[in-house]
Amino acid sequence: MSDKEFTLQLQGYRMATAEILYHMPDHPSVLQTFVWQNLDLSPSYPKLMKFLDFWEDNLDGRLHSVTVGAKQLIAASDIGEATEIVLH
């Protein structure tokens, strides 16, 4: 772990993992899964939201749903709750 990552964790950042379901561009009735992972701030997840905005603006696969789990890496016994982001 780098010093920067350690400092971010001390500031409240957690390892966030998002399971992103999206519609295949050529077959919209078929869902595909993409997994995203990064240090992010719970519960607002600004890095994830920036990534999802990029996705909607630049990629063809329309988002279906996003499920997020977060874990504090410094305190091994603390596990964050999984949440779902509702897309419009």
PDB file of N, CA and C in Angstrom:
ATOM      1  N   MET A   1       0.851  -1.176   0.000  1.00  0.00           N
ATOM      2  CA  MET A   1       0.000   0.000   0.000  1.00  0.00           C
ATOM      3  C   MET A   1       0.894   1.235   0.000  1.00  0.00           C
ATOM      4  N   SER A   2       0.562   2.190  -0.853  1.00  0.00           N
ATOM      5  CA  SER A   2       1.349   3.418  -0.922  1.00  0.00           C
ATOM      6  C   SER A   2       0.969   4.362   0.214  1.00  0.00           C
ATOM      7  N   ASP A   3       1.839   5.336   0.475  1.00  0.00           N
ATOM      8  CA  ASP A   3       1.552   6.340   1.503  1.00  0.00           C
ATOM      9  C   ASP A   3       0.301   7.134   1.153  1.00  0.00           C
ATOM     10  N   LYS A   4       0.100   7.405  -0.148  1.00  0.00           N
ATOM     11  CA  LYS A   4      -1.084   8.153  -0.585  1.00  0.00           C
ATOM     12  C   LYS A   4      -2.358   7.374  -0.266  1.00  0.00           C
ATOM     13  N   GLU A   5      -2.351   6.058  -0.566  1.00  0.00           N
ATOM     14  CA  GLU A   5      -3.522   5.225  -0.270  1.00  0.00           C
ATOM     15  C   GLU A   5      -3.776   5.169   1.229  1.00  0.00           C
ATOM     16  N   PHE A   6      -2.730   5.043   2.016  1.00  0.00           N
ATOM     17  CA  PHE A   6      -2.876   5.000   3.471  1.00  0.00           C
ATOM     18  C   PHE A   6      -3.463   6.305   3.987  1.00  0.00           C
ATOM     19  N   THR A   7      -2.964   7.431   3.471  1.00  0.00           N
ATOM     20  CA  THR A   7      -3.479   8.749   3.873  1.00  0.00           C
ATOM     21  C   THR A   7      -4.957   8.882   3.513  1.00  0.00           C
ATOM     22  N   LEU A   8      -5.344   8.427   2.322  1.00  0.00           N
ATOM     23  CA  LEU A   8      -6.756   8.481   1.911  1.00  0.00           C
ATOM     24  C   LEU A   8      -7.624   7.663   2.871  1.00  0.00           C
ATOM     25  N   GLN A   9      -7.132   6.499   3.279  1.00  0.00           N
ATOM     26  CA  GLN A   9      -7.905   5.656   4.189  1.00  0.00           C
ATOM     27  C   GLN A   9      -8.076   6.334   5.547  1.00  0.00           C
ATOM     28  N   LEU A  10      -7.059   7.042   5.999  1.00  0.00           N
ATOM     29  CA  LEU A  10      -7.176   7.788   7.257  1.00  0.00           C
ATOM     30  C   LEU A  10      -8.183   8.926   7.137  1.00  0.00           C
ATOM     31  N   GLN A  11      -8.422   9.392   5.899  1.00  0.00           N
ATOM     32  CA  GLN A  11      -9.384  10.463   5.653  1.00  0.00           C
ATOM     33  C   GLN A  11     -10.796   9.922   5.417  1.00  0.00           C
ATOM     34  N   GLY A  12     -10.985   8.604   5.561  1.00  0.00           N
ATOM     35  CA  GLY A  12     -12.322   8.035   5.438  1.00  0.00           C
ATOM     36  C   GLY A  12     -12.600   7.300   4.143  1.00  0.00           C
ATOM     37  N   TYR A  13     -11.639   7.254   3.240  1.00  0.00           N
ATOM     38  CA  TYR A  13     -11.831   6.509   2.000  1.00  0.00           C
ATOM     39  C   TYR A  13     -11.867   5.012   2.299  1.00  0.00           C
ATOM     40  N   ARG A  14     -12.691   4.289   1.558  1.00  0.00           N
ATOM     41  CA  ARG A  14     -12.821   2.847   1.702  1.00  0.00           C
ATOM     42  C   ARG A  14     -12.666   2.200   0.342  1.00  0.00           C
ATOM     43  N   MET A  15     -12.306   0.918   0.354  1.00  0.00           N
ATOM     44  CA  MET A  15     -12.266   0.181  -0.901  1.00  0.00           C
ATOM     45  C   MET A  15     -13.707  -0.082  -1.310  1.00  0.00           C
ATOM     46  N   ALA A  16     -14.111   0.514  -2.411  1.00  0.00           N
ATOM     47  CA  ALA A  16     -15.475   0.366  -2.919  1.00  0.00           C
ATOM     48  C   ALA A  16     -15.448  -0.539  -4.144  1.00  0.00           C
ATOM     49  N   THR A  17     -16.367  -1.477  -4.160  1.00  0.00           N
ATOM     50  CA  THR A  17     -16.514  -2.373  -5.307  1.00  0.00           C
ATOM     51  C   THR A  17     -17.935  -2.220  -5.822  1.00  0.00           C
ATOM     52  N   ALA A  18     -18.057  -1.949  -7.115  1.00  0.00           N
ATOM     53  CA  ALA A  18     -19.375  -1.767  -7.719  1.00  0.00           C
ATOM     54  C   ALA A  18     -19.590  -2.834  -8.785  1.00  0.00           C
ATOM     55  N   GLU A  19     -20.725  -3.511  -8.687  1.00  0.00           N
ATOM     56  CA  GLU A  19     -21.145  -4.419  -9.743  1.00  0.00           C
ATOM     57  C   GLU A  19     -22.103  -3.633 -10.622  1.00  0.00           C
ATOM     58  N   ILE A  20     -21.707  -3.428 -11.866  1.00  0.00           N
ATOM     59  CA  ILE A  20     -22.480  -2.609 -12.800  1.00  0.00           C
ATOM     60  C   ILE A  20     -23.125  -3.543 -13.823  1.00  0.00           C
ATOM     61  N   LEU A  21     -24.454  -3.527 -13.861  1.00  0.00           N
ATOM     62  CA  LEU A  21     -25.174  -4.273 -14.895  1.00  0.00           C
ATOM     63  C   LEU A  21     -25.563  -3.279 -15.979  1.00  0.00           C
ATOM     64  N   TYR A  22     -25.297  -3.657 -17.234  1.00  0.00           N
ATOM     65  CA  TYR A  22     -25.634  -2.765 -18.339  1.00  0.00           C
ATOM     66  C   TYR A  22     -26.187  -3.576 -19.503  1.00  0.00           C
ATOM     67  N   HIS A  23     -26.935  -2.899 -20.350  1.00  0.00           N
ATOM     68  CA  HIS A  23     -27.526  -3.514 -21.539  1.00  0.00           C
ATOM     69  C   HIS A  23     -26.477  -3.588 -22.645  1.00  0.00           C
ATOM     70  N   MET A  24     -26.351  -4.754 -23.262  1.00  0.00           N
ATOM     71  CA  MET A  24     -25.424  -4.906 -24.387  1.00  0.00           C
ATOM     72  C   MET A  24     -25.887  -3.988 -25.528  1.00  0.00           C
ATOM     73  N   PRO A  25     -24.988  -3.202 -26.113  1.00  0.00           N
ATOM     74  CA  PRO A  25     -25.387  -2.268 -27.176  1.00  0.00           C
ATOM     75  C   PRO A  25     -26.066  -2.943 -28.370  1.00  0.00           C
ATOM     76  N   ASP A  26     -25.557  -4.093 -28.797  1.00  0.00           N
ATOM     77  CA  ASP A  26     -26.123  -4.779 -29.964  1.00  0.00           C
ATOM     78  C   ASP A  26     -27.306  -5.674 -29.626  1.00  0.00           C
ATOM     79  N   HIS A  27     -27.475  -5.991 -28.342  1.00  0.00           N
ATOM     80  CA  HIS A  27     -28.570  -6.858 -27.882  1.00  0.00           C
ATOM     81  C   HIS A  27     -29.124  -6.274 -26.585  1.00  0.00           C
ATOM     82  N   PRO A  28     -29.931  -5.222 -26.655  1.00  0.00           N
ATOM     83  CA  PRO A  28     -30.377  -4.491 -25.460  1.00  0.00           C
ATOM     84  C   PRO A  28     -31.124  -5.329 -24.425  1.00  0.00           C
ATOM     85  N   SER A  29     -31.667  -6.475 -24.827  1.00  0.00           N
ATOM     86  CA  SER A  29     -32.379  -7.302 -23.852  1.00  0.00           C
ATOM     87  C   SER A  29     -31.425  -8.177 -23.034  1.00  0.00           C
ATOM     88  N   VAL A  30     -30.140  -8.170 -23.384  1.00  0.00           N
ATOM     89  CA  VAL A  30     -29.134  -8.967 -22.679  1.00  0.00           C
ATOM     90  C   VAL A  30     -28.337  -8.049 -21.743  1.00  0.00           C
ATOM     91  N   LEU A  31     -28.198  -8.482 -20.469  1.00  0.00           N
ATOM     92  CA  LEU A  31     -27.421  -7.719 -19.497  1.00  0.00           C
ATOM     93  C   LEU A  31     -26.020  -8.303 -19.377  1.00  0.00           C
ATOM     94  N   GLN A  32     -25.046  -7.416 -19.228  1.00  0.00           N
ATOM     95  CA  GLN A  32     -23.652  -7.792 -19.026  1.00  0.00           C
ATOM     96  C   GLN A  32     -23.201  -7.190 -17.699  1.00  0.00           C
ATOM     97  N   THR A  33     -22.213  -7.807 -17.058  1.00  0.00           N
ATOM     98  CA  THR A  33     -21.693  -7.321 -15.783  1.00  0.00           C
ATOM     99  C   THR A  33     -20.308  -6.723 -15.962  1.00  0.00           C
ATOM    100  N   PHE A  34     -20.073  -5.595 -15.278  1.00  0.00           N
ATOM    101  CA  PHE A  34     -18.759  -4.973 -15.218  1.00  0.00           C
ATOM    102  C   PHE A  34     -18.478  -4.712 -13.743  1.00  0.00           C
ATOM    103  N   VAL A  35     -17.259  -5.014 -13.285  1.00  0.00           N
ATOM    104  CA  VAL A  35     -16.893  -4.771 -11.890  1.00  0.00           C
ATOM    105  C   VAL A  35     -15.891  -3.627 -11.838  1.00  0.00           C
ATOM    106  N   TRP A  36     -16.196  -2.618 -11.022  1.00  0.00           N
ATOM    107  CA  TRP A  36     -15.348  -1.441 -10.824  1.00  0.00           C
ATOM    108  C   TRP A  36     -14.870  -1.455  -9.381  1.00  0.00           C
ATOM    109  N   GLN A  37     -13.595  -1.108  -9.137  1.00  0.00           N
ATOM    110  CA  GLN A  37     -13.084  -1.079  -7.770  1.00  0.00           C
ATOM    111  C   GLN A  37     -12.087   0.062  -7.622  1.00  0.00           C
ATOM    112  N   ASN A  38     -12.228   0.815  -6.508  1.00  0.00           N
ATOM    113  CA  ASN A  38     -11.347   1.945  -6.255  1.00  0.00           C
ATOM    114  C   ASN A  38     -11.547   2.408  -4.819  1.00  0.00           C
ATOM    115  N   LEU A  39     -10.586   3.168  -4.289  1.00  0.00           N
ATOM    116  CA  LEU A  39     -10.800   3.829  -3.001  1.00  0.00           C
ATOM    117  C   LEU A  39     -11.763   4.980  -3.233  1.00  0.00           C
ATOM    118  N   ASP A  40     -12.792   5.074  -2.398  1.00  0.00           N
ATOM    119  CA  ASP A  40     -13.813   6.102  -2.591  1.00  0.00           C
ATOM    120  C   ASP A  40     -14.428   6.455  -1.242  1.00  0.00           C
ATOM    121  N   LEU A  41     -15.128   7.569  -1.191  1.00  0.00           N
ATOM    122  CA  LEU A  41     -15.772   8.044   0.040  1.00  0.00           C
ATOM    123  C   LEU A  41     -17.203   7.551   0.110  1.00  0.00           C
ATOM    124  N   SER A  42     -17.507   6.810   1.154  1.00  0.00           N
ATOM    125  CA  SER A  42     -18.876   6.335   1.390  1.00  0.00           C
ATOM    126  C   SER A  42     -19.603   7.381   2.226  1.00  0.00           C
ATOM    127  N   PRO A  43     -20.855   7.666   2.025  1.00  0.00           N
ATOM    128  CA  PRO A  43     -21.807   7.017   1.149  1.00  0.00           C
ATOM    129  C   PRO A  43     -22.018   7.733  -0.185  1.00  0.00           C
ATOM    130  N   SER A  44     -21.302   8.814  -0.447  1.00  0.00           N
ATOM    131  CA  SER A  44     -21.566   9.577  -1.677  1.00  0.00           C
ATOM    132  C   SER A  44     -20.839   9.005  -2.906  1.00  0.00           C
ATOM    133  N   TYR A  45     -19.722   8.305  -2.708  1.00  0.00           N
ATOM    134  CA  TYR A  45     -18.962   7.669  -3.785  1.00  0.00           C
ATOM    135  C   TYR A  45     -18.686   8.613  -4.963  1.00  0.00           C
ATOM    136  N   PRO A  46     -17.966   9.728  -4.728  1.00  0.00           N
ATOM    137  CA  PRO A  46     -17.740  10.693  -5.818  1.00  0.00           C
ATOM    138  C   PRO A  46     -16.939  10.121  -6.990  1.00  0.00           C
ATOM    139  N   LYS A  47     -15.955   9.248  -6.742  1.00  0.00           N
ATOM    140  CA  LYS A  47     -15.185   8.665  -7.850  1.00  0.00           C
ATOM    141  C   LYS A  47     -16.065   7.732  -8.677  1.00  0.00           C
ATOM    142  N   LEU A  48     -16.885   6.939  -8.015  1.00  0.00           N
ATOM    143  CA  LEU A  48     -17.795   6.047  -8.738  1.00  0.00           C
ATOM    144  C   LEU A  48     -18.798   6.854  -9.544  1.00  0.00           C
ATOM    145  N   MET A  49     -19.351   7.901  -8.961  1.00  0.00           N
ATOM    146  CA  MET A  49     -20.330   8.716  -9.671  1.00  0.00           C
ATOM    147  C   MET A  49     -19.693   9.375 -10.899  1.00  0.00           C
ATOM    148  N   LYS A  50     -18.440   9.822 -10.777  1.00  0.00           N
ATOM    149  CA  LYS A  50     -17.732  10.398 -11.925  1.00  0.00           C
ATOM    150  C   LYS A  50     -17.560   9.347 -13.017  1.00  0.00           C
ATOM    151  N   PHE A  51     -17.210   8.112 -12.619  1.00  0.00           N
ATOM    152  CA  PHE A  51     -17.062   7.031 -13.584  1.00  0.00           C
ATOM    153  C   PHE A  51     -18.394   6.732 -14.264  1.00  0.00           C
ATOM    154  N   LEU A  52     -19.492   6.687 -13.497  1.00  0.00           N
ATOM    155  CA  LEU A  52     -20.805   6.408 -14.088  1.00  0.00           C
ATOM    156  C   LEU A  52     -21.248   7.523 -15.028  1.00  0.00           C
ATOM    157  N   ASP A  53     -20.937   8.770 -14.680  1.00  0.00           N
ATOM    158  CA  ASP A  53     -21.230   9.889 -15.587  1.00  0.00           C
ATOM    159  C   ASP A  53     -20.447   9.736 -16.898  1.00  0.00           C
ATOM    160  N   PHE A  54     -19.160   9.353 -16.775  1.00  0.00           N
ATOM    161  CA  PHE A  54     -18.349   9.114 -17.978  1.00  0.00           C
ATOM    162  C   PHE A  54     -18.972   8.004 -18.814  1.00  0.00           C
ATOM    163  N   TRP A  55     -19.401   6.936 -18.140  1.00  0.00           N
ATOM    164  CA  TRP A  55     -20.010   5.793 -18.845  1.00  0.00           C
ATOM    165  C   TRP A  55     -21.215   6.261 -19.654  1.00  0.00           C
ATOM    166  N   GLU A  56     -22.125   6.970 -18.981  1.00  0.00           N
ATOM    167  CA  GLU A  56     -23.349   7.406 -19.656  1.00  0.00           C
ATOM    168  C   GLU A  56     -23.063   8.360 -20.810  1.00  0.00           C
ATOM    169  N   ASP A  57     -22.023   9.183 -20.683  1.00  0.00           N
ATOM    170  CA  ASP A  57     -21.696  10.163 -21.722  1.00  0.00           C
ATOM    171  C   ASP A  57     -20.921   9.566 -22.902  1.00  0.00           C
ATOM    172  N   ASN A  58     -20.162   8.486 -22.680  1.00  0.00           N
ATOM    173  CA  ASN A  58     -19.221   8.020 -23.691  1.00  0.00           C
ATOM    174  C   ASN A  58     -19.381   6.579 -24.166  1.00  0.00           C
ATOM    175  N   LEU A  59     -20.106   5.757 -23.434  1.00  0.00           N
ATOM    176  CA  LEU A  59     -20.225   4.348 -23.808  1.00  0.00           C
ATOM    177  C   LEU A  59     -21.637   4.037 -24.275  1.00  0.00           C
ATOM    178  N   ASP A  60     -21.758   3.023 -25.119  1.00  0.00           N
ATOM    179  CA  ASP A  60     -23.042   2.684 -25.719  1.00  0.00           C
ATOM    180  C   ASP A  60     -23.936   1.836 -24.829  1.00  0.00           C
ATOM    181  N   GLY A  61     -23.383   1.048 -23.941  1.00  0.00           N
ATOM    182  CA  GLY A  61     -24.199   0.163 -23.102  1.00  0.00           C
ATOM    183  C   GLY A  61     -24.954   0.944 -22.039  1.00  0.00           C
ATOM    184  N   ARG A  62     -26.294   0.992 -22.158  1.00  0.00           N
ATOM    185  CA  ARG A  62     -27.127   1.727 -21.195  1.00  0.00           C
ATOM    186  C   ARG A  62     -27.078   1.035 -19.836  1.00  0.00           C
ATOM    187  N   LEU A  63     -26.860   1.808 -18.780  1.00  0.00           N
ATOM    188  CA  LEU A  63     -26.782   1.253 -17.431  1.00  0.00           C
ATOM    189  C   LEU A  63     -28.136   0.718 -16.981  1.00  0.00           C
ATOM    190  N   HIS A  64     -28.107  -0.416 -16.327  1.00  0.00           N
ATOM    191  CA  HIS A  64     -29.311  -1.028 -15.765  1.00  0.00           C
ATOM    192  C   HIS A  64     -29.351  -0.814 -14.253  1.00  0.00           C
ATOM    193  N   SER A  65     -28.291  -1.229 -13.549  1.00  0.00           N
ATOM    194  CA  SER A  65     -28.239  -1.061 -12.091  1.00  0.00           C
ATOM    195  C   SER A  65     -26.797  -1.125 -11.620  1.00  0.00           C
ATOM    196  N   VAL A  66     -26.578  -0.586 -10.422  1.00  0.00           N
ATOM    197  CA  VAL A  66     -25.252  -0.590  -9.808  1.00  0.00           C
ATOM    198  C   VAL A  66     -25.422  -0.983  -8.347  1.00  0.00           C
ATOM    199  N   THR A  67     -24.679  -1.994  -7.923  1.00  0.00           N
ATOM    200  CA  THR A  67     -24.677  -2.407  -6.526  1.00  0.00           C
ATOM    201  C   THR A  67     -23.279  -2.151  -5.973  1.00  0.00           C
ATOM    202  N   VAL A  68     -23.201  -1.478  -4.814  1.00  0.00           N
ATOM    203  CA  VAL A  68     -21.922  -1.055  -4.261  1.00  0.00           C
ATOM    204  C   VAL A  68     -21.717  -1.662  -2.883  1.00  0.00           C
ATOM    205  N   GLY A  69     -20.517  -2.163  -2.657  1.00  0.00           N
ATOM    206  CA  GLY A  69     -20.099  -2.601  -1.333  1.00  0.00           C
ATOM    207  C   GLY A  69     -18.824  -1.859  -0.993  1.00  0.00           C
ATOM    208  N   ALA A  70     -18.628  -1.534   0.282  1.00  0.00           N
ATOM    209  CA  ALA A  70     -17.425  -0.802   0.683  1.00  0.00           C
ATOM    210  C   ALA A  70     -16.857  -1.424   1.948  1.00  0.00           C
ATOM    211  N   LYS A  71     -15.538  -1.430   2.047  1.00  0.00           N
ATOM    212  CA  LYS A  71     -14.854  -2.020   3.178  1.00  0.00           C
ATOM    213  C   LYS A  71     -13.733  -1.108   3.612  1.00  0.00           C
ATOM    214  N   GLN A  72     -13.694  -0.802   4.920  1.00  0.00           N
ATOM    215  CA  GLN A  72     -12.563  -0.069   5.463  1.00  0.00           C
ATOM    216  C   GLN A  72     -11.385  -1.015   5.489  1.00  0.00           C
ATOM    217  N   LEU A  73     -10.264  -0.605   4.938  1.00  0.00           N
ATOM    218  CA  LEU A  73      -9.108  -1.485   4.871  1.00  0.00           C
ATOM    219  C   LEU A  73      -8.233  -1.408   6.116  1.00  0.00           C
ATOM    220  N   ILE A  74      -8.288  -0.307   6.832  1.00  0.00           N
ATOM    221  CA  ILE A  74      -7.437  -0.151   8.003  1.00  0.00           C
ATOM    222  C   ILE A  74      -7.968  -0.967   9.182  1.00  0.00           C
ATOM    223  N   ALA A  75      -9.274  -0.936   9.409  1.00  0.00           N
ATOM    224  CA  ALA A  75      -9.886  -1.698  10.496  1.00  0.00           C
ATOM    225  C   ALA A  75     -10.476  -2.977   9.901  1.00  0.00           C
ATOM    226  N   ALA A  76      -9.778  -4.092  10.083  1.00  0.00           N
ATOM    227  CA  ALA A  76     -10.172  -5.335   9.429  1.00  0.00           C
ATOM    228  C   ALA A  76     -11.531  -5.855   9.880  1.00  0.00           C
ATOM    229  N   SER A  77     -11.987  -5.485  11.055  1.00  0.00           N
ATOM    230  CA  SER A  77     -13.260  -6.020  11.549  1.00  0.00           C
ATOM    231  C   SER A  77     -14.473  -5.213  11.103  1.00  0.00           C
ATOM    232  N   ASP A  78     -14.270  -4.053  10.491  1.00  0.00           N
ATOM    233  CA  ASP A  78     -15.388  -3.210  10.054  1.00  0.00           C
ATOM    234  C   ASP A  78     -15.739  -3.504   8.604  1.00  0.00           C
ATOM    235  N   ILE A  79     -16.969  -3.941   8.368  1.00  0.00           N
ATOM    236  CA  ILE A  79     -17.434  -4.213   7.008  1.00  0.00           C
ATOM    237  C   ILE A  79     -18.584  -3.271   6.713  1.00  0.00           C
ATOM    238  N   GLY A  80     -18.494  -2.556   5.580  1.00  0.00           N
ATOM    239  CA  GLY A  80     -19.557  -1.641   5.182  1.00  0.00           C
ATOM    240  C   GLY A  80     -20.748  -2.402   4.622  1.00  0.00           C
ATOM    241  N   GLU A  81     -21.878  -1.737   4.574  1.00  0.00           N
ATOM    242  CA  GLU A  81     -23.095  -2.329   4.025  1.00  0.00           C
ATOM    243  C   GLU A  81     -23.131  -2.180   2.518  1.00  0.00           C
ATOM    244  N   ALA A  82     -23.732  -3.145   1.857  1.00  0.00           N
ATOM    245  CA  ALA A  82     -23.945  -3.035   0.417  1.00  0.00           C
ATOM    246  C   ALA A  82     -25.138  -2.127   0.172  1.00  0.00           C
ATOM    247  N   THR A  83     -25.020  -1.267  -0.810  1.00  0.00           N
ATOM    248  CA  THR A  83     -26.110  -0.369  -1.155  1.00  0.00           C
ATOM    249  C   THR A  83     -26.350  -0.431  -2.645  1.00  0.00           C
ATOM    250  N   GLU A  84     -27.498   0.021  -3.076  1.00  0.00           N
ATOM    251  CA  GLU A  84     -27.801   0.048  -4.500  1.00  0.00           C
ATOM    252  C   GLU A  84     -28.044   1.489  -4.910  1.00  0.00           C
ATOM    253  N   ILE A  85     -27.473   1.868  -6.027  1.00  0.00           N
ATOM    254  CA  ILE A  85     -27.680   3.208  -6.591  1.00  0.00           C
ATOM    255  C   ILE A  85     -28.782   3.087  -7.630  1.00  0.00           C
ATOM    256  N   VAL A  86     -29.815   3.915  -7.496  1.00  0.00           N
ATOM    257  CA  VAL A  86     -30.925   3.873  -8.436  1.00  0.00           C
ATOM    258  C   VAL A  86     -30.606   4.798  -9.597  1.00  0.00           C
ATOM    259  N   LEU A  87     -30.696   4.262 -10.811  1.00  0.00           N
ATOM    260  CA  LEU A  87     -30.416   5.041 -12.011  1.00  0.00           C
ATOM    261  C   LEU A  87     -31.721   5.470 -12.650  1.00  0.00           C
ATOM    262  N   HIS A  88     -31.708   6.625 -13.265  1.00  0.00           N
ATOM    263  CA  HIS A  88     -32.922   7.146 -13.909  1.00  0.00           C
ATOM    264  C   HIS A  88     -32.968   6.740 -15.349  1.00  0.00           C
TER     265      HIS A  88
END
